[in-house]
Amino acid sequence: MDLHSPKLNKILDSWIEEDLGNGDLTRFAVNHQNASAHWIAKEPGIFCGGDLIKLLFQKIDPQVEVQLLIRDGDGFRANQRILEVKGPAYALLAGERVTLNISMHLSGIATATALLVSKLSGSDVKLADTRKTTPGLRVFEKYAVCCGGGINHRFGLDDAAMLKENHIAWSDGISESIKILKQSIPWTKKIIVEAETASQAKEAVKAGADGVLLDEMSAEKIKELVPQLRQLVEESNSRKVSKNVVIEVSGINPKNLSEYVFTGIDLISTSSPITKSNWIDFSMRFNKEIENNH
């Protein structure tokens, strides 16, 4: 996540503008002395958002200094201090809500992701996210998934061509669609096919798809199907049609994740860590001592 990109900086500016508007009215009641505060975790989890917190505070006032006590991706326990922050009191107050909000949200995603990743322990299966993200927050939510040990799927429709159920229904079929795509998109882009049946998955491999997503299939069915797909890949390689095919599973209940660990697949994609996670509760508490003015 490149926080120096103009696009991301505009997003951060919009967050500050949303909360501050024309300025924090309560600041008139606050002395302009320097102050210090710390963040405390009210529950255990995985931290995410440290660099965002720093940049947001410094956008409000460059004099604010943030000292992170843990890094993104680190675990923390209840009542643990997360960071220290100091600077003009009005700036700490102005940045309190926006920084807490984004970090609590992203830490919730990272925590939920880590829980699911732990269910894949002992295997080479990766956990991937989806495009089911909050509009405007995709890059940040997907970053949180990585902090929890997951990997990113497509960031957008221009990342890879993915033939899903409706694409297949409104086209001339899987094989013809893959043929058209190979002639139409850059060779650096992948072609993925969502398969609801074994025959669709096999057709996709034979036609040269780079990835096959097995949607809403039982673990038993997938365990039987994967060796067949791997064999088709080998046969395709001998004809120089395809080099490798990533076999992905989606549409399964996260509670049943461990059932799919040793089915021979490469990754499991799920929206659960982003769409169903709870915010982790943090609190910013001001230190009693007042810093000397400089």
C-alpha atoms as a PDB file:
ATOM      1  CA  MET A   1       0.000   0.000   0.000  1.00  0.00           C
ATOM      2  CA  ASP A   2       1.717   3.166  -1.252  1.00  0.00           C
ATOM      3  CA  LEU A   3       0.581   5.974   1.024  1.00  0.00           C
ATOM      4  CA  HIS A   4       2.570   8.459  -1.047  1.00  0.00           C
ATOM      5  CA  SER A   5       0.378   7.972  -4.106  1.00  0.00           C
ATOM      6  CA  PRO A   6      -1.798  10.993  -4.998  1.00  0.00           C
ATOM      7  CA  LYS A   7      -4.887   8.771  -5.142  1.00  0.00           C
ATOM      8  CA  LEU A   8      -4.535   7.469  -1.581  1.00  0.00           C
ATOM      9  CA  ASN A   9      -3.640  10.905  -0.256  1.00  0.00           C
ATOM     10  CA  LYS A  10      -6.880  12.272  -1.687  1.00  0.00           C
ATOM     11  CA  ILE A  11      -8.815   9.531   0.111  1.00  0.00           C
ATOM     12  CA  LEU A  12      -7.146  10.370   3.420  1.00  0.00           C
ATOM     13  CA  ASP A  13      -7.854  14.065   2.889  1.00  0.00           C
ATOM     14  CA  SER A  14     -11.515  13.243   2.307  1.00  0.00           C
ATOM     15  CA  TRP A  15     -11.689  11.327   5.607  1.00  0.00           C
ATOM     16  CA  ILE A  16     -10.349  14.337   7.485  1.00  0.00           C
ATOM     17  CA  GLU A  17     -12.663  16.716   5.647  1.00  0.00           C
ATOM     18  CA  GLU A  18     -15.669  14.508   6.413  1.00  0.00           C
ATOM     19  CA  ASP A  19     -15.073  14.779  10.164  1.00  0.00           C
ATOM     20  CA  LEU A  20     -13.568  18.245  10.518  1.00  0.00           C
ATOM     21  CA  GLY A  21     -15.562  20.080   7.862  1.00  0.00           C
ATOM     22  CA  ASN A  22     -14.613  23.758   8.195  1.00  0.00           C
ATOM     23  CA  GLY A  23     -12.786  23.029  11.441  1.00  0.00           C
ATOM     24  CA  ASP A  24     -13.296  21.541  14.887  1.00  0.00           C
ATOM     25  CA  LEU A  25     -15.569  23.990  16.709  1.00  0.00           C
ATOM     26  CA  THR A  26     -14.575  22.621  20.115  1.00  0.00           C
ATOM     27  CA  ARG A  27     -10.948  23.622  19.556  1.00  0.00           C
ATOM     28  CA  PHE A  28     -11.757  27.152  20.738  1.00  0.00           C
ATOM     29  CA  ALA A  29     -12.192  25.742  24.242  1.00  0.00           C
ATOM     30  CA  VAL A  30      -8.851  23.939  24.166  1.00  0.00           C
ATOM     31  CA  ASN A  31      -5.548  25.542  25.074  1.00  0.00           C
ATOM     32  CA  HIS A  32      -2.857  25.309  22.420  1.00  0.00           C
ATOM     33  CA  GLN A  33      -0.385  23.580  24.710  1.00  0.00           C
ATOM     34  CA  ASN A  34       1.288  20.342  23.755  1.00  0.00           C
ATOM     35  CA  ALA A  35      -0.185  17.164  25.143  1.00  0.00           C
ATOM     36  CA  SER A  36       0.371  13.421  24.984  1.00  0.00           C
ATOM     37  CA  ALA A  37      -1.893  10.389  24.846  1.00  0.00           C
ATOM     38  CA  HIS A  38      -1.784   6.678  24.254  1.00  0.00           C
ATOM     39  CA  TRP A  39      -3.975   4.050  22.649  1.00  0.00           C
ATOM     40  CA  ILE A  40      -5.112   1.053  24.656  1.00  0.00           C
ATOM     41  CA  ALA A  41      -6.622  -2.154  23.284  1.00  0.00           C
ATOM     42  CA  LYS A  42      -9.797  -3.303  24.997  1.00  0.00           C
ATOM     43  CA  GLU A  43      -9.607  -6.798  23.494  1.00  0.00           C
ATOM     44  CA  PRO A  44      -6.988  -9.021  21.822  1.00  0.00           C
ATOM     45  CA  GLY A  45      -6.410  -9.019  18.080  1.00  0.00           C
ATOM     46  CA  ILE A  46      -4.092  -8.301  15.148  1.00  0.00           C
ATOM     47  CA  PHE A  47      -3.037  -4.692  14.605  1.00  0.00           C
ATOM     48  CA  CYS A  48      -3.408  -2.823  11.310  1.00  0.00           C
ATOM     49  CA  GLY A  49      -3.160   0.814  10.267  1.00  0.00           C
ATOM     50  CA  GLY A  50      -0.013   2.186  11.866  1.00  0.00           C
ATOM     51  CA  ASP A  51       1.271   4.186   8.900  1.00  0.00           C
ATOM     52  CA  LEU A  52      -2.241   5.468   8.204  1.00  0.00           C
ATOM     53  CA  ILE A  53      -2.498   6.776  11.758  1.00  0.00           C
ATOM     54  CA  LYS A  54       0.825   8.592  11.431  1.00  0.00           C
ATOM     55  CA  LEU A  55      -0.066  10.194   8.121  1.00  0.00           C
ATOM     56  CA  LEU A  56      -3.560  11.245   9.192  1.00  0.00           C
ATOM     57  CA  PHE A  57      -2.311  12.951  12.348  1.00  0.00           C
ATOM     58  CA  GLN A  58       0.470  14.715  10.455  1.00  0.00           C
ATOM     59  CA  LYS A  59      -1.976  15.932   7.828  1.00  0.00           C
ATOM     60  CA  ILE A  60      -3.945  17.579  10.630  1.00  0.00           C
ATOM     61  CA  ASP A  61      -0.796  19.074  12.164  1.00  0.00           C
ATOM     62  CA  PRO A  62       2.814  18.278  11.167  1.00  0.00           C
ATOM     63  CA  GLN A  63       3.894  18.782  14.789  1.00  0.00           C
ATOM     64  CA  VAL A  64       2.125  15.594  15.894  1.00  0.00           C
ATOM     65  CA  GLU A  65       4.475  12.682  16.602  1.00  0.00           C
ATOM     66  CA  VAL A  66       3.250   9.083  16.688  1.00  0.00           C
ATOM     67  CA  GLN A  67       5.322   6.283  18.224  1.00  0.00           C
ATOM     68  CA  LEU A  68       4.016   2.850  17.287  1.00  0.00           C
ATOM     69  CA  LEU A  69       4.602   0.268  19.994  1.00  0.00           C
ATOM     70  CA  ILE A  70       3.656  -2.615  17.695  1.00  0.00           C
ATOM     71  CA  ARG A  71       3.772  -3.108  13.935  1.00  0.00           C
ATOM     72  CA  ASP A  72       1.051  -3.938  11.433  1.00  0.00           C
ATOM     73  CA  GLY A  73       0.402  -7.671  11.561  1.00  0.00           C
ATOM     74  CA  ASP A  74       1.493  -8.001  15.194  1.00  0.00           C
ATOM     75  CA  GLY A  75      -0.809  -9.556  17.742  1.00  0.00           C
ATOM     76  CA  PHE A  76      -1.822  -7.712  20.903  1.00  0.00           C
ATOM     77  CA  ARG A  77      -3.641  -8.557  24.105  1.00  0.00           C
ATOM     78  CA  ALA A  78      -6.386  -6.773  26.009  1.00  0.00           C
ATOM     79  CA  ASN A  79      -5.202  -3.684  27.933  1.00  0.00           C
ATOM     80  CA  GLN A  80      -1.976  -3.510  25.907  1.00  0.00           C
ATOM     81  CA  ARG A  81      -0.691  -0.096  24.807  1.00  0.00           C
ATOM     82  CA  ILE A  82      -0.668   0.181  21.027  1.00  0.00           C
ATOM     83  CA  LEU A  83       0.962   3.559  20.443  1.00  0.00           C
ATOM     84  CA  GLU A  84       1.975   6.885  21.971  1.00  0.00           C
ATOM     85  CA  VAL A  85       1.069  10.216  20.400  1.00  0.00           C
ATOM     86  CA  LYS A  86       2.047  13.762  21.294  1.00  0.00           C
ATOM     87  CA  GLY A  87       1.600  17.235  19.858  1.00  0.00           C
ATOM     88  CA  PRO A  88      -0.787  20.200  20.079  1.00  0.00           C
ATOM     89  CA  ALA A  89      -3.793  19.170  22.155  1.00  0.00           C
ATOM     90  CA  TYR A  90      -6.310  20.433  19.592  1.00  0.00           C
ATOM     91  CA  ALA A  91      -4.645  18.325  16.862  1.00  0.00           C
ATOM     92  CA  LEU A  92      -4.764  15.147  18.964  1.00  0.00           C
ATOM     93  CA  LEU A  93      -8.458  15.759  19.602  1.00  0.00           C
ATOM     94  CA  ALA A  94      -9.169  16.533  15.946  1.00  0.00           C
ATOM     95  CA  GLY A  95      -7.485  13.340  14.751  1.00  0.00           C
ATOM     96  CA  GLU A  96      -8.769  11.035  17.467  1.00  0.00           C
ATOM     97  CA  ARG A  97     -11.929   9.762  15.799  1.00  0.00           C
ATOM     98  CA  VAL A  98     -10.786   9.321  12.213  1.00  0.00           C
ATOM     99  CA  THR A  99      -7.602   7.477  13.217  1.00  0.00           C
ATOM    100  CA  LEU A 100      -9.377   5.232  15.700  1.00  0.00           C
ATOM    101  CA  ASN A 101     -12.158   4.429  13.234  1.00  0.00           C
ATOM    102  CA  ILE A 102      -9.926   3.264  10.408  1.00  0.00           C
ATOM    103  CA  SER A 103      -7.544   1.320  12.643  1.00  0.00           C
ATOM    104  CA  MET A 104     -10.323  -0.421  14.574  1.00  0.00           C
ATOM    105  CA  HIS A 105     -11.966  -1.411  11.280  1.00  0.00           C
ATOM    106  CA  LEU A 106      -8.769  -2.661   9.637  1.00  0.00           C
ATOM    107  CA  SER A 107      -7.589  -4.437  12.794  1.00  0.00           C
ATOM    108  CA  GLY A 108     -10.924  -6.244  12.879  1.00  0.00           C
ATOM    109  CA  ILE A 109     -10.355  -7.487   9.336  1.00  0.00           C
ATOM    110  CA  ALA A 110      -6.770  -8.539  10.098  1.00  0.00           C
ATOM    111  CA  THR A 111      -7.932 -10.376  13.224  1.00  0.00           C
ATOM    112  CA  ALA A 112     -10.721 -12.224  11.397  1.00  0.00           C
ATOM    113  CA  THR A 113      -8.336 -13.139   8.579  1.00  0.00           C
ATOM    114  CA  ALA A 114      -5.739 -14.538  10.992  1.00  0.00           C
ATOM    115  CA  LEU A 115      -8.383 -16.761  12.585  1.00  0.00           C
ATOM    116  CA  LEU A 116      -9.289 -18.302   9.223  1.00  0.00           C
ATOM    117  CA  VAL A 117      -5.654 -18.607   8.129  1.00  0.00           C
ATOM    118  CA  SER A 118      -4.968 -20.601  11.297  1.00  0.00           C
ATOM    119  CA  LYS A 119      -7.478 -23.198  10.073  1.00  0.00           C
ATOM    120  CA  LEU A 120      -5.264 -23.785   7.038  1.00  0.00           C
ATOM    121  CA  SER A 121      -2.187 -24.458   9.160  1.00  0.00           C
ATOM    122  CA  GLY A 122      -0.067 -27.355   7.982  1.00  0.00           C
ATOM    123  CA  SER A 123      -1.024 -26.983   4.334  1.00  0.00           C
ATOM    124  CA  ASP A 124       0.057 -24.908   1.327  1.00  0.00           C
ATOM    125  CA  VAL A 125      -3.465 -23.568   0.791  1.00  0.00           C
ATOM    126  CA  LYS A 126      -3.668 -19.761   0.787  1.00  0.00           C
ATOM    127  CA  LEU A 127      -6.602 -17.643   1.933  1.00  0.00           C
ATOM    128  CA  ALA A 128      -7.590 -14.908  -0.534  1.00  0.00           C
ATOM    129  CA  ASP A 129     -10.035 -12.022  -0.312  1.00  0.00           C
ATOM    130  CA  THR A 130     -12.647 -10.953  -2.900  1.00  0.00           C
ATOM    131  CA  ARG A 131     -14.012  -7.737  -4.427  1.00  0.00           C
ATOM    132  CA  LYS A 132     -16.710  -7.574  -1.753  1.00  0.00           C
ATOM    133  CA  THR A 133     -15.260  -4.499  -0.082  1.00  0.00           C
ATOM    134  CA  THR A 134     -16.532  -1.167   1.219  1.00  0.00           C
ATOM    135  CA  PRO A 135     -16.603   1.351  -1.671  1.00  0.00           C
ATOM    136  CA  GLY A 136     -13.633   3.677  -1.312  1.00  0.00           C
ATOM    137  CA  LEU A 137     -11.865   1.421   1.184  1.00  0.00           C
ATOM    138  CA  ARG A 138     -10.848  -1.516  -1.019  1.00  0.00           C
ATOM    139  CA  VAL A 139      -7.098  -0.934  -1.013  1.00  0.00           C
ATOM    140  CA  PHE A 140      -7.077  -0.503   2.783  1.00  0.00           C
ATOM    141  CA  GLU A 141      -9.307  -3.497   3.529  1.00  0.00           C
ATOM    142  CA  LYS A 142      -7.268  -5.714   1.240  1.00  0.00           C
ATOM    143  CA  TYR A 143      -4.109  -4.507   2.971  1.00  0.00           C
ATOM    144  CA  ALA A 144      -5.677  -5.553   6.287  1.00  0.00           C
ATOM    145  CA  VAL A 145      -6.254  -9.048   4.876  1.00  0.00           C
ATOM    146  CA  CYS A 146      -2.514  -9.278   4.133  1.00  0.00           C
ATOM    147  CA  CYS A 147      -1.718  -8.141   7.685  1.00  0.00           C
ATOM    148  CA  GLY A 148      -3.787 -11.083   8.899  1.00  0.00           C
ATOM    149  CA  GLY A 149      -1.839 -13.558   6.779  1.00  0.00           C
ATOM    150  CA  GLY A 150      -4.110 -13.695   3.731  1.00  0.00           C
ATOM    151  CA  ILE A 151      -3.394 -12.809   0.098  1.00  0.00           C
ATOM    152  CA  ASN A 152      -5.164 -10.507  -2.332  1.00  0.00           C
ATOM    153  CA  HIS A 153      -7.370 -11.568  -5.207  1.00  0.00           C
ATOM    154  CA  ARG A 154      -8.311  -9.066  -7.931  1.00  0.00           C
ATOM    155  CA  PHE A 155      -8.324  -5.396  -6.939  1.00  0.00           C
ATOM    156  CA  GLY A 156     -10.615  -4.584  -9.842  1.00  0.00           C
ATOM    157  CA  LEU A 157     -12.116  -5.804 -13.080  1.00  0.00           C
ATOM    158  CA  ASP A 158      -8.981  -4.715 -14.945  1.00  0.00           C
ATOM    159  CA  ASP A 159      -6.692  -6.981 -12.891  1.00  0.00           C
ATOM    160  CA  ALA A 160      -7.724 -10.225 -14.568  1.00  0.00           C
ATOM    161  CA  ALA A 161     -10.500 -11.523 -16.803  1.00  0.00           C
ATOM    162  CA  MET A 162     -12.835 -13.672 -14.735  1.00  0.00           C
ATOM    163  CA  LEU A 163     -15.688 -15.560 -16.391  1.00  0.00           C
ATOM    164  CA  LYS A 164     -18.364 -15.871 -13.747  1.00  0.00           C
ATOM    165  CA  GLU A 165     -21.812 -17.463 -13.927  1.00  0.00           C
ATOM    166  CA  ASN A 166     -23.497 -14.542 -15.675  1.00  0.00           C
ATOM    167  CA  HIS A 167     -20.618 -14.020 -18.097  1.00  0.00           C
ATOM    168  CA  ILE A 168     -20.884 -17.653 -19.169  1.00  0.00           C
ATOM    169  CA  ALA A 169     -24.678 -17.448 -19.448  1.00  0.00           C
ATOM    170  CA  TRP A 170     -24.475 -14.355 -21.669  1.00  0.00           C
ATOM    171  CA  SER A 171     -21.666 -15.580 -23.917  1.00  0.00           C
ATOM    172  CA  ASP A 172     -21.009 -18.329 -26.435  1.00  0.00           C
ATOM    173  CA  GLY A 173     -19.621 -20.597 -23.767  1.00  0.00           C
ATOM    174  CA  ILE A 174     -16.393 -21.113 -21.853  1.00  0.00           C
ATOM    175  CA  SER A 175     -14.110 -22.269 -24.670  1.00  0.00           C
ATOM    176  CA  GLU A 176     -15.174 -19.567 -27.115  1.00  0.00           C
ATOM    177  CA  SER A 177     -14.956 -16.876 -24.420  1.00  0.00           C
ATOM    178  CA  ILE A 178     -11.403 -17.893 -23.483  1.00  0.00           C
ATOM    179  CA  LYS A 179     -10.444 -17.835 -27.169  1.00  0.00           C
ATOM    180  CA  ILE A 180     -11.835 -14.299 -27.540  1.00  0.00           C
ATOM    181  CA  LEU A 181     -10.156 -13.109 -24.342  1.00  0.00           C
ATOM    182  CA  LYS A 182      -6.762 -14.442 -25.401  1.00  0.00           C
ATOM    183  CA  GLN A 183      -7.083 -12.336 -28.553  1.00  0.00           C
ATOM    184  CA  SER A 184      -8.388  -9.248 -26.747  1.00  0.00           C
ATOM    185  CA  ILE A 185      -6.532  -8.696 -23.467  1.00  0.00           C
ATOM    186  CA  PRO A 186      -2.799  -8.193 -22.750  1.00  0.00           C
ATOM    187  CA  TRP A 187      -0.848 -11.439 -22.500  1.00  0.00           C
ATOM    188  CA  THR A 188       0.267 -10.384 -19.010  1.00  0.00           C
ATOM    189  CA  LYS A 189      -3.309 -10.667 -17.712  1.00  0.00           C
ATOM    190  CA  LYS A 190      -4.754 -13.930 -16.363  1.00  0.00           C
ATOM    191  CA  ILE A 191      -7.988 -15.629 -17.344  1.00  0.00           C
ATOM    192  CA  ILE A 192     -10.003 -17.268 -14.551  1.00  0.00           C
ATOM    193  CA  VAL A 193     -13.169 -19.301 -14.937  1.00  0.00           C
ATOM    194  CA  GLU A 194     -15.776 -19.828 -12.237  1.00  0.00           C
ATOM    195  CA  ALA A 195     -17.010 -23.410 -12.558  1.00  0.00           C
ATOM    196  CA  GLU A 196     -20.165 -24.717 -10.935  1.00  0.00           C
ATOM    197  CA  THR A 197     -19.780 -28.210 -12.368  1.00  0.00           C
ATOM    198  CA  ALA A 198     -16.941 -30.630 -13.014  1.00  0.00           C
ATOM    199  CA  SER A 199     -17.548 -30.434 -16.787  1.00  0.00           C
ATOM    200  CA  GLN A 200     -17.187 -26.631 -16.737  1.00  0.00           C
ATOM    201  CA  ALA A 201     -13.927 -26.907 -14.794  1.00  0.00           C
ATOM    202  CA  LYS A 202     -12.512 -29.453 -17.222  1.00  0.00           C
ATOM    203  CA  GLU A 203     -13.552 -27.363 -20.227  1.00  0.00           C
ATOM    204  CA  ALA A 204     -11.827 -24.324 -18.739  1.00  0.00           C
ATOM    205  CA  VAL A 205      -8.557 -26.214 -18.261  1.00  0.00           C
ATOM    206  CA  LYS A 206      -8.661 -27.661 -21.766  1.00  0.00           C
ATOM    207  CA  ALA A 207      -9.337 -24.204 -23.237  1.00  0.00           C
ATOM    208  CA  GLY A 208      -6.270 -22.747 -21.531  1.00  0.00           C
ATOM    209  CA  ALA A 209      -7.600 -20.928 -18.478  1.00  0.00           C
ATOM    210  CA  ASP A 210      -4.971 -19.745 -15.990  1.00  0.00           C
ATOM    211  CA  GLY A 211      -7.222 -20.393 -13.021  1.00  0.00           C
ATOM    212  CA  VAL A 212     -10.366 -22.342 -12.204  1.00  0.00           C
ATOM    213  CA  LEU A 213     -12.635 -21.337  -9.344  1.00  0.00           C
ATOM    214  CA  LEU A 214     -14.686 -24.258  -8.039  1.00  0.00           C
ATOM    215  CA  ASP A 215     -17.816 -22.629  -6.673  1.00  0.00           C
ATOM    216  CA  GLU A 216     -19.937 -24.080  -3.853  1.00  0.00           C
ATOM    217  CA  MET A 217     -18.673 -27.642  -4.246  1.00  0.00           C
ATOM    218  CA  SER A 218     -18.354 -30.105  -1.398  1.00  0.00           C
ATOM    219  CA  ALA A 219     -14.937 -31.101  -0.110  1.00  0.00           C
ATOM    220  CA  GLU A 220     -15.557 -34.674  -1.242  1.00  0.00           C
ATOM    221  CA  LYS A 221     -16.363 -33.613  -4.796  1.00  0.00           C
ATOM    222  CA  ILE A 222     -13.367 -31.308  -4.980  1.00  0.00           C
ATOM    223  CA  LYS A 223     -11.004 -33.965  -3.654  1.00  0.00           C
ATOM    224  CA  GLU A 224     -12.154 -36.233  -6.483  1.00  0.00           C
ATOM    225  CA  LEU A 225     -12.054 -33.516  -9.153  1.00  0.00           C
ATOM    226  CA  VAL A 226      -8.674 -31.893  -8.470  1.00  0.00           C
ATOM    227  CA  PRO A 227      -6.508 -34.879  -9.596  1.00  0.00           C
ATOM    228  CA  GLN A 228      -8.500 -34.982 -12.834  1.00  0.00           C
ATOM    229  CA  LEU A 229      -7.852 -31.300 -13.435  1.00  0.00           C
ATOM    230  CA  ARG A 230      -4.146 -31.709 -12.642  1.00  0.00           C
ATOM    231  CA  GLN A 231      -3.975 -34.533 -15.190  1.00  0.00           C
ATOM    232  CA  LEU A 232      -5.615 -32.334 -17.815  1.00  0.00           C
ATOM    233  CA  VAL A 233      -3.040 -29.633 -17.066  1.00  0.00           C
ATOM    234  CA  GLU A 234      -0.216 -32.115 -17.714  1.00  0.00           C
ATOM    235  CA  GLU A 235      -1.832 -33.171 -20.970  1.00  0.00           C
ATOM    236  CA  SER A 236      -2.255 -29.537 -21.973  1.00  0.00           C
ATOM    237  CA  ASN A 237       1.395 -28.853 -21.192  1.00  0.00           C
ATOM    238  CA  SER A 238       2.417 -31.550 -23.617  1.00  0.00           C
ATOM    239  CA  ARG A 239       0.455 -29.654 -26.296  1.00  0.00           C
ATOM    240  CA  LYS A 240       1.867 -26.330 -25.032  1.00  0.00           C
ATOM    241  CA  VAL A 241      -1.616 -25.031 -24.297  1.00  0.00           C
ATOM    242  CA  SER A 242      -1.157 -24.139 -20.644  1.00  0.00           C
ATOM    243  CA  LYS A 243       1.747 -23.996 -18.179  1.00  0.00           C
ATOM    244  CA  ASN A 244      -0.112 -24.072 -14.896  1.00  0.00           C
ATOM    245  CA  VAL A 245      -3.618 -23.704 -13.538  1.00  0.00           C
ATOM    246  CA  VAL A 246      -4.429 -22.312 -10.120  1.00  0.00           C
ATOM    247  CA  ILE A 247      -7.302 -24.210  -8.550  1.00  0.00           C
ATOM    248  CA  GLU A 248      -9.389 -22.049  -6.259  1.00  0.00           C
ATOM    249  CA  VAL A 249     -12.408 -22.793  -4.081  1.00  0.00           C
ATOM    250  CA  SER A 250     -15.074 -20.278  -3.132  1.00  0.00           C
ATOM    251  CA  GLY A 251     -18.636 -20.133  -1.837  1.00  0.00           C
ATOM    252  CA  ILE A 252     -17.994 -22.288   1.237  1.00  0.00           C
ATOM    253  CA  ASN A 253     -18.898 -21.661   4.847  1.00  0.00           C
ATOM    254  CA  PRO A 254     -15.809 -20.345   6.685  1.00  0.00           C
ATOM    255  CA  LYS A 255     -16.690 -22.685   9.552  1.00  0.00           C
ATOM    256  CA  ASN A 256     -15.961 -25.613   7.233  1.00  0.00           C
ATOM    257  CA  LEU A 257     -12.627 -24.276   5.975  1.00  0.00           C
ATOM    258  CA  SER A 258     -10.531 -27.063   7.487  1.00  0.00           C
ATOM    259  CA  GLU A 259     -12.429 -29.668   5.444  1.00  0.00           C
ATOM    260  CA  TYR A 260     -10.837 -28.303   2.261  1.00  0.00           C
ATOM    261  CA  VAL A 261      -7.235 -28.131   3.480  1.00  0.00           C
ATOM    262  CA  PHE A 262      -6.015 -31.395   1.971  1.00  0.00           C
ATOM    263  CA  THR A 263      -8.132 -31.538  -1.185  1.00  0.00           C
ATOM    264  CA  GLY A 264      -5.217 -30.506  -3.425  1.00  0.00           C
ATOM    265  CA  ILE A 265      -6.407 -26.963  -4.096  1.00  0.00           C
ATOM    266  CA  ASP A 266      -4.190 -23.871  -4.180  1.00  0.00           C
ATOM    267  CA  LEU A 267      -6.334 -21.269  -2.476  1.00  0.00           C
ATOM    268  CA  ILE A 268      -9.673 -20.487  -0.890  1.00  0.00           C
ATOM    269  CA  SER A 269     -11.297 -17.128  -1.551  1.00  0.00           C
ATOM    270  CA  THR A 270     -13.809 -15.661   0.865  1.00  0.00           C
ATOM    271  CA  SER A 271     -15.337 -12.268   1.623  1.00  0.00           C
ATOM    272  CA  SER A 272     -15.893 -13.203   5.267  1.00  0.00           C
ATOM    273  CA  PRO A 273     -12.960 -11.339   6.908  1.00  0.00           C
ATOM    274  CA  ILE A 274     -14.086  -8.077   5.312  1.00  0.00           C
ATOM    275  CA  THR A 275     -17.872  -8.404   5.254  1.00  0.00           C
ATOM    276  CA  LYS A 276     -18.431 -10.175   8.567  1.00  0.00           C
ATOM    277  CA  SER A 277     -15.626  -8.982  10.852  1.00  0.00           C
ATOM    278  CA  ASN A 278     -16.222  -6.824  13.914  1.00  0.00           C
ATOM    279  CA  TRP A 279     -14.219  -3.731  14.748  1.00  0.00           C
ATOM    280  CA  ILE A 280     -11.535  -4.186  17.392  1.00  0.00           C
ATOM    281  CA  ASP A 281     -12.136  -1.775  20.252  1.00  0.00           C
ATOM    282  CA  PHE A 282      -9.346   0.756  20.879  1.00  0.00           C
ATOM    283  CA  SER A 283      -9.445   3.834  23.101  1.00  0.00           C
ATOM    284  CA  MET A 284      -7.263   6.951  23.092  1.00  0.00           C
ATOM    285  CA  ARG A 285      -6.516   8.111  26.622  1.00  0.00           C
ATOM    286  CA  PHE A 286      -4.851  11.415  27.357  1.00  0.00           C
ATOM    287  CA  ASN A 287      -1.935  11.415  29.740  1.00  0.00           C
ATOM    288  CA  LYS A 288      -2.466  13.615  32.772  1.00  0.00           C
ATOM    289  CA  GLU A 289       0.769  15.531  32.427  1.00  0.00           C
ATOM    290  CA  ILE A 290       0.867  18.468  30.024  1.00  0.00           C
ATOM    291  CA  GLU A 291       3.905  18.852  27.779  1.00  0.00           C
ATOM    292  CA  ASN A 292       5.854  22.088  27.956  1.00  0.00           C
ATOM    293  CA  ASN A 293       5.335  24.486  25.067  1.00  0.00           C
ATOM    294  CA  HIS A 294       8.286  24.668  22.671  1.00  0.00           C
END
